[in-house]
Amino acid sequence: MRPAQRAGARRWALLPAAVVVLALSGLAAACGSSTPAYCTDASQLKTSVGNLGNVDVAKNGLGSLQTALSQVQADAKSFAADAKSAFPAQTAALDSAVSGLQTAITSAKGQPTATAATAVVSSVSQVKSSASALQSAISGNC
């Protein structure tokens, strides 16, 4: 009966090697299918920028635009925290556009003129354009 016990012992001796092979293959599969952490942030940013473009300022006032901008700012900050090193030019352009819109909204609150409204509309377009360029840059990664 000793030979049978040896065969069983050999099978058990191969078990650790089999476990290591399975674990490594699982890690390799997980690495190949994962997406960067900023992909979720990018999706949220895309949604908030879309919402920004859909604000009806004439109906709901500048406060509604400020609320939408606040969400864009929060989402842009989250995105930049994860992806600024990968997309420095695009995140800088978006940050600049968002700052410009904040300035335009602040100015428009003090002087609700056609010039102020034009500056706000132009700034919203700049934010949308910068966000679109950022989405294009990351499209191959997410």
Protein backbone atom coordinates (compact mmCIF):
# COMPACT_ATOMS: atom_id res chain seq x y z
CA MET A 1 0.00 0.00 0.00
CA ARG A 2 2.92 2.22 0.21
CA PRO A 3 3.05 2.94 -3.57
CA ALA A 4 -0.55 4.16 -3.51
CA GLN A 5 0.25 6.46 -0.63
CA ARG A 6 3.18 7.84 -2.56
CA ALA A 7 0.98 8.63 -5.58
CA GLY A 8 -1.39 10.54 -3.32
CA ALA A 9 1.51 12.34 -1.75
CA ARG A 10 2.77 13.39 -5.20
CA ARG A 11 -0.64 14.81 -6.07
CA TRP A 12 -0.66 16.86 -2.88
CA ALA A 13 2.88 18.04 -3.60
CA LEU A 14 1.70 19.45 -6.96
CA LEU A 15 -1.20 21.35 -5.38
CA PRO A 16 0.81 24.44 -4.31
CA ALA A 17 2.25 24.77 -7.82
CA ALA A 18 -1.23 24.52 -9.34
CA VAL A 19 -2.55 27.16 -6.95
CA VAL A 20 0.28 29.54 -7.87
CA VAL A 21 -0.37 29.06 -11.60
CA LEU A 22 -4.11 29.71 -11.17
CA ALA A 23 -3.50 32.77 -9.02
CA LEU A 24 -1.07 34.27 -11.53
CA SER A 25 -3.41 33.64 -14.43
CA GLY A 26 -6.21 35.32 -12.50
CA LEU A 27 -4.05 38.36 -11.83
CA ALA A 28 -3.07 38.58 -15.47
CA ALA A 29 -6.71 38.46 -16.52
CA ALA A 30 -7.64 41.12 -13.99
CA CYS A 31 -4.87 43.44 -15.20
CA GLY A 32 -5.97 43.12 -18.80
CA SER A 33 -9.61 43.91 -18.10
CA SER A 34 -9.26 46.79 -15.66
CA THR A 35 -9.86 50.38 -16.63
CA PRO A 36 -8.11 53.40 -15.12
CA ALA A 37 -9.64 54.91 -11.99
CA TYR A 38 -10.34 58.18 -13.77
CA CYS A 39 -12.86 56.57 -16.15
CA THR A 40 -15.66 56.81 -13.60
CA ASP A 41 -14.73 60.41 -12.86
CA ALA A 42 -14.71 61.17 -16.59
CA SER A 43 -18.19 59.74 -16.99
CA GLN A 44 -19.50 61.88 -14.12
CA LEU A 45 -17.77 64.92 -15.56
CA LYS A 46 -19.34 64.30 -18.95
CA THR A 47 -22.78 64.15 -17.35
CA SER A 48 -22.30 67.32 -15.32
CA VAL A 49 -20.98 69.25 -18.33
CA GLY A 50 -23.99 68.05 -20.33
CA ASN A 51 -26.26 69.29 -17.54
CA LEU A 52 -24.43 72.62 -17.56
CA GLY A 53 -25.21 73.02 -21.24
CA ASN A 54 -28.89 72.30 -20.61
CA VAL A 55 -29.47 74.99 -17.98
CA ASP A 56 -32.19 77.45 -18.97
CA VAL A 57 -30.83 80.66 -17.48
CA ALA A 58 -33.65 82.79 -18.89
CA LYS A 59 -36.18 80.65 -17.05
CA ASN A 60 -34.26 79.64 -13.91
CA GLY A 61 -31.76 82.48 -13.44
CA LEU A 62 -28.02 82.59 -12.97
CA GLY A 63 -28.32 80.67 -9.71
CA SER A 64 -29.22 77.53 -11.65
CA LEU A 65 -26.13 77.97 -13.80
CA GLN A 66 -24.00 78.46 -10.68
CA THR A 67 -25.41 75.22 -9.22
CA ALA A 68 -24.60 73.31 -12.41
CA LEU A 69 -21.13 74.86 -12.49
CA SER A 70 -20.50 73.79 -8.90
CA GLN A 71 -21.15 70.18 -9.91
CA VAL A 72 -18.80 70.53 -12.89
CA GLN A 73 -16.13 71.97 -10.58
CA ALA A 74 -16.48 69.05 -8.15
CA ASP A 75 -16.36 66.46 -10.94
CA ALA A 76 -13.42 68.18 -12.65
CA LYS A 77 -11.53 68.22 -9.35
CA SER A 78 -12.16 64.49 -8.84
CA PHE A 79 -11.07 63.74 -12.39
CA ALA A 80 -7.92 65.84 -12.09
CA ALA A 81 -6.95 64.11 -8.85
CA ASP A 82 -6.86 60.78 -10.72
CA ALA A 83 -5.75 61.83 -14.20
CA LYS A 84 -3.86 65.11 -14.08
CA SER A 85 -0.52 63.40 -14.62
CA ALA A 86 -1.87 61.43 -17.59
CA PHE A 87 -3.66 64.37 -19.24
CA PRO A 88 -2.04 67.58 -17.94
CA ALA A 89 -2.85 69.79 -20.93
CA GLN A 90 -6.51 68.77 -21.08
CA THR A 91 -7.10 69.09 -17.33
CA ALA A 92 -5.40 72.50 -17.31
CA ALA A 93 -7.57 73.68 -20.22
CA LEU A 94 -10.73 72.49 -18.48
CA ASP A 95 -9.68 74.13 -15.22
CA SER A 96 -9.06 77.40 -17.04
CA ALA A 97 -12.43 77.23 -18.81
CA VAL A 98 -14.26 76.47 -15.56
CA SER A 99 -12.52 79.40 -13.84
CA GLY A 100 -13.49 81.64 -16.76
CA LEU A 101 -17.11 80.61 -16.46
CA GLN A 102 -17.07 81.27 -12.72
CA THR A 103 -15.74 84.76 -13.41
CA ALA A 104 -18.36 85.37 -16.11
CA ILE A 105 -21.19 84.28 -13.80
CA THR A 106 -19.91 86.50 -10.99
CA SER A 107 -19.70 89.47 -13.37
CA ALA A 108 -23.14 88.79 -14.79
CA LYS A 109 -24.70 88.80 -11.32
CA GLY A 110 -23.50 92.37 -10.84
CA GLN A 111 -24.57 93.61 -14.25
CA PRO A 112 -27.27 91.64 -16.03
CA THR A 113 -26.56 93.13 -19.46
CA ALA A 114 -26.37 91.62 -22.92
CA THR A 115 -22.57 91.81 -22.75
CA ALA A 116 -22.51 89.84 -19.50
CA ALA A 117 -24.90 87.27 -20.96
CA THR A 118 -22.71 86.90 -24.04
CA ALA A 119 -19.67 86.34 -21.84
CA VAL A 120 -21.52 83.64 -19.89
CA VAL A 121 -22.67 81.87 -23.07
CA SER A 122 -19.15 82.03 -24.48
CA SER A 123 -17.70 80.63 -21.25
CA VAL A 124 -20.20 77.76 -21.18
CA SER A 125 -19.17 76.91 -24.74
CA GLN A 126 -15.52 76.98 -23.70
CA VAL A 127 -16.18 74.56 -20.82
CA LYS A 128 -18.07 72.23 -23.13
CA SER A 129 -15.27 72.40 -25.72
CA SER A 130 -12.56 71.70 -23.13
CA ALA A 131 -14.53 68.80 -21.67
CA SER A 132 -15.06 67.39 -25.16
CA ALA A 133 -11.32 67.54 -25.87
CA LEU A 134 -10.68 65.76 -22.59
CA GLN A 135 -13.21 63.04 -23.42
CA SER A 136 -11.53 62.57 -26.80
CA ALA A 137 -8.12 62.25 -25.16
CA ILE A 138 -9.24 59.54 -22.76
CA SER A 139 -11.52 57.67 -25.17
CA GLY A 140 -8.94 54.98 -25.93
CA ASN A 141 -8.38 54.29 -22.22
CA CYS A 142 -11.92 53.97 -20.90
